[in-house]
Amino acid sequence: MDSSLKIHAFDFDGTLTNRDTLLEFIRFVRGDKAFFLCMLRYLPLLLLMKLGLYPNWKVKQKVFAHCFGGMKLDEFNKWCVRFASENISLLRPKGIQKINEVLEEGCKVVIVSASINNWVEPFFAGLDGVTVIGTMIEERDGVVTGRFISKNCYGEEKVRRLIQLYPGRNSYWLAAYGDSRGDFELLDFANESHYKPFRK
């Protein structure tokens, strides 16, 4: 193993943030009333998902399409940038401190998230050396369709996407940071793993 290449892979929601950003983003863009009505509409599917009887990605895509399908991509991206700039308080200070420390050491940092790339990336816009791997959305003719063009970046998909970015697993040392069931495969894949590391 070439220990000169060191990669730190961080989950986003719950690990680097104190709340789920999909829900916060919906509330930020659509408002409390629309958020409540959306959650009420999909409550049966959300309950089935919690029981393991309905796929996580299907519920997520339905909720996303309901809230943002048909929005112009430029408008959507402007909301994403605004969301990040106005919600820095969602980030766990210890997590950002750790990212800054490993960047100063010359390590690579990858954010591996089930959330949508578009609103995760602006949180790290000022940090050189940070790459975001997330769930990617479809757009046609400059309009958000509401569908995903990648698999939900969750579980095994996190490992697959990381290998896609950094093939040759034996050529680097990997540390992983996560907080939920969706991170277990990534944590197991790493040389060094940290579960719920940045909480008080």
C-alpha atoms as a PDB file:
ATOM      1  CA  MET A   1       0.000   0.000   0.000  1.00  0.00           C
ATOM      2  CA  ASP A   2       1.223   3.470  -0.907  1.00  0.00           C
ATOM      3  CA  SER A   3       0.639   5.305   2.372  1.00  0.00           C
ATOM      4  CA  SER A   4       1.728   8.573   0.737  1.00  0.00           C
ATOM      5  CA  LEU A   5      -1.802   8.928  -0.665  1.00  0.00           C
ATOM      6  CA  LYS A   6      -4.238   9.405   2.190  1.00  0.00           C
ATOM      7  CA  ILE A   7      -7.968   9.880   1.656  1.00  0.00           C
ATOM      8  CA  HIS A   8     -10.537  10.925   4.236  1.00  0.00           C
ATOM      9  CA  ALA A   9     -14.126  10.098   3.226  1.00  0.00           C
ATOM     10  CA  PHE A  10     -16.899  11.850   5.152  1.00  0.00           C
ATOM     11  CA  ASP A  11     -20.610  11.190   5.135  1.00  0.00           C
ATOM     12  CA  PHE A  12     -22.541  14.480   5.111  1.00  0.00           C
ATOM     13  CA  ASP A  13     -25.998  14.276   6.715  1.00  0.00           C
ATOM     14  CA  GLY A  14     -25.747  13.536  10.416  1.00  0.00           C
ATOM     15  CA  THR A  15     -21.961  13.202  10.344  1.00  0.00           C
ATOM     16  CA  LEU A  16     -20.923  16.687   9.230  1.00  0.00           C
ATOM     17  CA  THR A  17     -24.386  18.202   9.800  1.00  0.00           C
ATOM     18  CA  ASN A  18     -26.699  18.202  12.790  1.00  0.00           C
ATOM     19  CA  ARG A  19     -29.852  17.597  10.706  1.00  0.00           C
ATOM     20  CA  ASP A  20     -30.973  15.944   7.476  1.00  0.00           C
ATOM     21  CA  THR A  21     -30.374  18.479   4.720  1.00  0.00           C
ATOM     22  CA  LEU A  22     -32.993  17.142   2.292  1.00  0.00           C
ATOM     23  CA  LEU A  23     -35.741  17.996   4.773  1.00  0.00           C
ATOM     24  CA  GLU A  24     -34.129  21.312   5.654  1.00  0.00           C
ATOM     25  CA  PHE A  25     -33.716  22.201   1.973  1.00  0.00           C
ATOM     26  CA  ILE A  26     -37.370  21.465   1.223  1.00  0.00           C
ATOM     27  CA  ARG A  27     -38.464  23.662   4.119  1.00  0.00           C
ATOM     28  CA  PHE A  28     -36.011  26.403   3.077  1.00  0.00           C
ATOM     29  CA  VAL A  29     -37.236  26.540  -0.526  1.00  0.00           C
ATOM     30  CA  ARG A  30     -40.910  25.649  -0.219  1.00  0.00           C
ATOM     31  CA  GLY A  31     -41.787  26.921   3.240  1.00  0.00           C
ATOM     32  CA  ASP A  32     -43.221  25.238   6.319  1.00  0.00           C
ATOM     33  CA  LYS A  33     -46.741  24.697   4.980  1.00  0.00           C
ATOM     34  CA  ALA A  34     -45.632  23.004   1.752  1.00  0.00           C
ATOM     35  CA  PHE A  35     -43.110  20.940   3.705  1.00  0.00           C
ATOM     36  CA  PHE A  36     -45.775  19.726   6.115  1.00  0.00           C
ATOM     37  CA  LEU A  37     -48.201  18.857   3.305  1.00  0.00           C
ATOM     38  CA  CYS A  38     -45.468  16.966   1.441  1.00  0.00           C
ATOM     39  CA  MET A  39     -44.548  14.926   4.514  1.00  0.00           C
ATOM     40  CA  LEU A  40     -48.227  14.219   5.172  1.00  0.00           C
ATOM     41  CA  ARG A  41     -48.747  13.038   1.601  1.00  0.00           C
ATOM     42  CA  TYR A  42     -45.835  10.619   1.724  1.00  0.00           C
ATOM     43  CA  LEU A  43     -46.196   9.570   5.357  1.00  0.00           C
ATOM     44  CA  PRO A  44     -47.380   6.010   4.513  1.00  0.00           C
ATOM     45  CA  LEU A  45     -44.341   5.420   2.272  1.00  0.00           C
ATOM     46  CA  LEU A  46     -42.019   6.981   4.836  1.00  0.00           C
ATOM     47  CA  LEU A  47     -43.339   4.606   7.483  1.00  0.00           C
ATOM     48  CA  LEU A  48     -42.918   1.616   5.152  1.00  0.00           C
ATOM     49  CA  MET A  49     -39.360   2.783   4.443  1.00  0.00           C
ATOM     50  CA  LYS A  50     -38.580   2.930   8.167  1.00  0.00           C
ATOM     51  CA  LEU A  51     -39.868  -0.643   8.484  1.00  0.00           C
ATOM     52  CA  GLY A  52     -37.659  -1.756   5.596  1.00  0.00           C
ATOM     53  CA  LEU A  53     -40.661  -2.544   3.390  1.00  0.00           C
ATOM     54  CA  TYR A  54     -40.144   0.154   0.768  1.00  0.00           C
ATOM     55  CA  PRO A  55     -36.856   1.235  -0.870  1.00  0.00           C
ATOM     56  CA  ASN A  56     -35.215   4.346   0.570  1.00  0.00           C
ATOM     57  CA  TRP A  57     -34.338   5.731  -2.868  1.00  0.00           C
ATOM     58  CA  LYS A  58     -37.902   5.455  -4.192  1.00  0.00           C
ATOM     59  CA  VAL A  59     -39.350   7.496  -1.347  1.00  0.00           C
ATOM     60  CA  LYS A  60     -36.560  10.041  -1.662  1.00  0.00           C
ATOM     61  CA  GLN A  61     -37.088  10.425  -5.416  1.00  0.00           C
ATOM     62  CA  LYS A  62     -40.869  10.790  -5.029  1.00  0.00           C
ATOM     63  CA  VAL A  63     -40.450  13.495  -2.387  1.00  0.00           C
ATOM     64  CA  PHE A  64     -37.773  15.260  -4.425  1.00  0.00           C
ATOM     65  CA  ALA A  65     -39.878  15.149  -7.616  1.00  0.00           C
ATOM     66  CA  HIS A  66     -42.930  16.440  -5.766  1.00  0.00           C
ATOM     67  CA  CYS A  67     -41.005  19.429  -4.421  1.00  0.00           C
ATOM     68  CA  PHE A  68     -38.636  20.305  -7.267  1.00  0.00           C
ATOM     69  CA  GLY A  69     -39.726  18.562 -10.466  1.00  0.00           C
ATOM     70  CA  GLY A  70     -40.297  21.180 -13.168  1.00  0.00           C
ATOM     71  CA  MET A  71     -38.081  23.836 -11.583  1.00  0.00           C
ATOM     72  CA  LYS A  72     -35.496  25.448 -13.853  1.00  0.00           C
ATOM     73  CA  LEU A  73     -32.028  24.110 -13.097  1.00  0.00           C
ATOM     74  CA  ASP A  74     -30.546  27.616 -12.811  1.00  0.00           C
ATOM     75  CA  GLU A  75     -33.160  28.545 -10.225  1.00  0.00           C
ATOM     76  CA  PHE A  76     -32.610  25.281  -8.364  1.00  0.00           C
ATOM     77  CA  ASN A  77     -28.850  25.841  -8.220  1.00  0.00           C
ATOM     78  CA  LYS A  78     -29.322  29.401  -6.965  1.00  0.00           C
ATOM     79  CA  TRP A  79     -31.457  28.025  -4.133  1.00  0.00           C
ATOM     80  CA  CYS A  80     -28.695  25.489  -3.372  1.00  0.00           C
ATOM     81  CA  VAL A  81     -26.032  28.186  -3.065  1.00  0.00           C
ATOM     82  CA  ARG A  82     -28.302  30.355  -0.939  1.00  0.00           C
ATOM     83  CA  PHE A  83     -29.217  27.386   1.255  1.00  0.00           C
ATOM     84  CA  ALA A  84     -25.565  26.673   2.004  1.00  0.00           C
ATOM     85  CA  SER A  85     -24.649  30.310   2.648  1.00  0.00           C
ATOM     86  CA  GLU A  86     -27.580  30.864   5.019  1.00  0.00           C
ATOM     87  CA  ASN A  87     -27.342  27.555   6.869  1.00  0.00           C
ATOM     88  CA  ILE A  88     -23.717  27.230   7.910  1.00  0.00           C
ATOM     89  CA  SER A  89     -25.054  26.471  11.386  1.00  0.00           C
ATOM     90  CA  LEU A  90     -26.076  23.029  10.083  1.00  0.00           C
ATOM     91  CA  LEU A  91     -22.386  22.052   9.992  1.00  0.00           C
ATOM     92  CA  ARG A  92     -20.744  20.454  13.012  1.00  0.00           C
ATOM     93  CA  PRO A  93     -17.714  22.632  13.910  1.00  0.00           C
ATOM     94  CA  LYS A  94     -15.578  19.646  14.911  1.00  0.00           C
ATOM     95  CA  GLY A  95     -16.222  18.020  11.542  1.00  0.00           C
ATOM     96  CA  ILE A  96     -15.157  21.090   9.580  1.00  0.00           C
ATOM     97  CA  GLN A  97     -12.134  21.454  11.843  1.00  0.00           C
ATOM     98  CA  LYS A  98     -11.129  17.886  11.027  1.00  0.00           C
ATOM     99  CA  ILE A  99     -11.510  18.518   7.294  1.00  0.00           C
ATOM    100  CA  ASN A 100      -9.294  21.590   7.514  1.00  0.00           C
ATOM    101  CA  GLU A 101      -6.691  19.664   9.500  1.00  0.00           C
ATOM    102  CA  VAL A 102      -6.393  16.787   7.024  1.00  0.00           C
ATOM    103  CA  LEU A 103      -6.320  19.191   4.078  1.00  0.00           C
ATOM    104  CA  GLU A 104      -3.398  21.011   5.707  1.00  0.00           C
ATOM    105  CA  GLU A 105      -1.648  17.650   6.004  1.00  0.00           C
ATOM    106  CA  GLY A 106      -1.969  17.193   2.247  1.00  0.00           C
ATOM    107  CA  CYS A 107      -4.653  14.529   2.375  1.00  0.00           C
ATOM    108  CA  LYS A 108      -7.532  14.182  -0.077  1.00  0.00           C
ATOM    109  CA  VAL A 109     -11.044  14.809   1.248  1.00  0.00           C
ATOM    110  CA  VAL A 110     -14.151  13.253  -0.275  1.00  0.00           C
ATOM    111  CA  ILE A 111     -17.700  13.977   0.887  1.00  0.00           C
ATOM    112  CA  VAL A 112     -19.722  10.831   0.116  1.00  0.00           C
ATOM    113  CA  SER A 113     -23.394  11.654   0.563  1.00  0.00           C
ATOM    114  CA  ALA A 114     -26.843  10.372  -0.289  1.00  0.00           C
ATOM    115  CA  SER A 115     -27.888  14.023  -0.558  1.00  0.00           C
ATOM    116  CA  ILE A 116     -27.969  15.836  -3.880  1.00  0.00           C
ATOM    117  CA  ASN A 117     -24.619  17.135  -5.165  1.00  0.00           C
ATOM    118  CA  ASN A 118     -26.121  20.502  -6.030  1.00  0.00           C
ATOM    119  CA  TRP A 119     -26.683  21.639  -2.453  1.00  0.00           C
ATOM    120  CA  VAL A 120     -23.832  19.741  -0.800  1.00  0.00           C
ATOM    121  CA  GLU A 121     -21.074  21.228  -2.968  1.00  0.00           C
ATOM    122  CA  PRO A 122     -21.726  24.896  -2.026  1.00  0.00           C
ATOM    123  CA  PHE A 123     -21.028  24.085   1.642  1.00  0.00           C
ATOM    124  CA  PHE A 124     -17.407  23.360   0.630  1.00  0.00           C
ATOM    125  CA  ALA A 125     -16.975  25.970  -2.098  1.00  0.00           C
ATOM    126  CA  GLY A 126     -14.211  27.740  -0.189  1.00  0.00           C
ATOM    127  CA  LEU A 127     -12.166  24.612   0.512  1.00  0.00           C
ATOM    128  CA  ASP A 128      -9.686  23.556  -2.161  1.00  0.00           C
ATOM    129  CA  GLY A 129      -9.091  19.833  -2.280  1.00  0.00           C
ATOM    130  CA  VAL A 130     -12.615  18.712  -1.349  1.00  0.00           C
ATOM    131  CA  THR A 131     -14.527  16.491  -3.785  1.00  0.00           C
ATOM    132  CA  VAL A 132     -18.242  15.799  -3.392  1.00  0.00           C
ATOM    133  CA  ILE A 133     -19.785  12.490  -4.416  1.00  0.00           C
ATOM    134  CA  GLY A 134     -23.564  12.558  -4.064  1.00  0.00           C
ATOM    135  CA  THR A 135     -26.838  11.549  -5.643  1.00  0.00           C
ATOM    136  CA  MET A 136     -27.093  13.204  -9.049  1.00  0.00           C
ATOM    137  CA  ILE A 137     -30.283  14.624 -10.511  1.00  0.00           C
ATOM    138  CA  GLU A 138     -31.588  14.570 -14.071  1.00  0.00           C
ATOM    139  CA  GLU A 139     -32.265  17.711 -16.063  1.00  0.00           C
ATOM    140  CA  ARG A 140     -33.726  18.139 -19.524  1.00  0.00           C
ATOM    141  CA  ASP A 141     -33.594  21.362 -21.468  1.00  0.00           C
ATOM    142  CA  GLY A 142     -32.487  23.190 -18.343  1.00  0.00           C
ATOM    143  CA  VAL A 143     -35.338  21.862 -16.201  1.00  0.00           C
ATOM    144  CA  VAL A 144     -35.133  19.533 -13.177  1.00  0.00           C
ATOM    145  CA  THR A 145     -37.167  16.413 -14.007  1.00  0.00           C
ATOM    146  CA  GLY A 146     -37.339  15.126 -10.437  1.00  0.00           C
ATOM    147  CA  ARG A 147     -35.578  11.888 -11.302  1.00  0.00           C
ATOM    148  CA  PHE A 148     -32.080  10.749 -10.346  1.00  0.00           C
ATOM    149  CA  ILE A 149     -29.441   9.849 -12.946  1.00  0.00           C
ATOM    150  CA  SER A 150     -27.289   8.006 -10.426  1.00  0.00           C
ATOM    151  CA  LYS A 151     -28.161   5.464  -7.809  1.00  0.00           C
ATOM    152  CA  ASN A 152     -28.940   6.868  -4.389  1.00  0.00           C
ATOM    153  CA  CYS A 153     -25.454   7.284  -2.874  1.00  0.00           C
ATOM    154  CA  TYR A 154     -26.184   5.053   0.119  1.00  0.00           C
ATOM    155  CA  GLY A 155     -24.697   1.827   1.483  1.00  0.00           C
ATOM    156  CA  GLU A 156     -22.707  -0.128  -1.098  1.00  0.00           C
ATOM    157  CA  GLU A 157     -23.159   2.673  -3.626  1.00  0.00           C
ATOM    158  CA  LYS A 158     -20.900   4.887  -1.488  1.00  0.00           C
ATOM    159  CA  VAL A 159     -18.080   2.360  -1.825  1.00  0.00           C
ATOM    160  CA  ARG A 160     -18.705   1.898  -5.547  1.00  0.00           C
ATOM    161  CA  ARG A 161     -18.611   5.636  -6.222  1.00  0.00           C
ATOM    162  CA  LEU A 162     -15.451   6.088  -4.141  1.00  0.00           C
ATOM    163  CA  ILE A 163     -13.706   3.286  -6.071  1.00  0.00           C
ATOM    164  CA  GLN A 164     -14.844   4.913  -9.296  1.00  0.00           C
ATOM    165  CA  LEU A 165     -13.073   8.102  -8.220  1.00  0.00           C
ATOM    166  CA  TYR A 166     -10.061   6.343  -6.674  1.00  0.00           C
ATOM    167  CA  PRO A 167      -9.514   2.903  -8.250  1.00  0.00           C
ATOM    168  CA  GLY A 168      -6.746   0.621  -7.050  1.00  0.00           C
ATOM    169  CA  ARG A 169      -7.763   0.180  -3.427  1.00  0.00           C
ATOM    170  CA  ASN A 170      -4.299  -1.031  -2.371  1.00  0.00           C
ATOM    171  CA  SER A 171      -2.702   2.187  -3.601  1.00  0.00           C
ATOM    172  CA  TYR A 172      -4.013   4.440  -0.808  1.00  0.00           C
ATOM    173  CA  TRP A 173      -4.855   4.626   2.885  1.00  0.00           C
ATOM    174  CA  LEU A 174      -8.476   5.433   3.691  1.00  0.00           C
ATOM    175  CA  ALA A 175     -10.213   6.871   6.745  1.00  0.00           C
ATOM    176  CA  ALA A 176     -14.030   6.994   6.784  1.00  0.00           C
ATOM    177  CA  TYR A 177     -16.497   8.900   8.941  1.00  0.00           C
ATOM    178  CA  GLY A 178     -20.206   8.061   9.211  1.00  0.00           C
ATOM    179  CA  ASP A 179     -23.204   7.985  11.490  1.00  0.00           C
ATOM    180  CA  SER A 180     -25.905   5.682  10.093  1.00  0.00           C
ATOM    181  CA  ARG A 181     -26.784   2.372   8.449  1.00  0.00           C
ATOM    182  CA  GLY A 182     -26.088   3.928   5.063  1.00  0.00           C
ATOM    183  CA  ASP A 183     -22.415   4.336   6.026  1.00  0.00           C
ATOM    184  CA  PHE A 184     -21.623   0.832   7.317  1.00  0.00           C
ATOM    185  CA  GLU A 185     -20.198  -0.452   4.036  1.00  0.00           C
ATOM    186  CA  LEU A 186     -17.959   2.583   3.674  1.00  0.00           C
ATOM    187  CA  LEU A 187     -16.762   2.274   7.279  1.00  0.00           C
ATOM    188  CA  ASP A 188     -15.983  -1.423   6.749  1.00  0.00           C
ATOM    189  CA  PHE A 189     -14.095  -0.598   3.545  1.00  0.00           C
ATOM    190  CA  ALA A 190     -11.728   1.838   5.264  1.00  0.00           C
ATOM    191  CA  ASN A 191      -8.409   1.259   7.015  1.00  0.00           C
ATOM    192  CA  GLU A 192      -9.622   3.486   9.824  1.00  0.00           C
ATOM    193  CA  SER A 193     -13.291   4.148  10.634  1.00  0.00           C
ATOM    194  CA  HIS A 194     -15.055   6.658  12.875  1.00  0.00           C
ATOM    195  CA  TYR A 195     -18.723   6.295  13.853  1.00  0.00           C
ATOM    196  CA  LYS A 196     -20.526   9.463  14.995  1.00  0.00           C
ATOM    197  CA  PRO A 197     -17.184  11.172  15.597  1.00  0.00           C
ATOM    198  CA  PHE A 198     -18.044  14.877  15.786  1.00  0.00           C
ATOM    199  CA  ARG A 199     -20.818  14.970  18.369  1.00  0.00           C
ATOM    200  CA  LYS A 200     -20.414  16.624  21.745  1.00  0.00           C
END
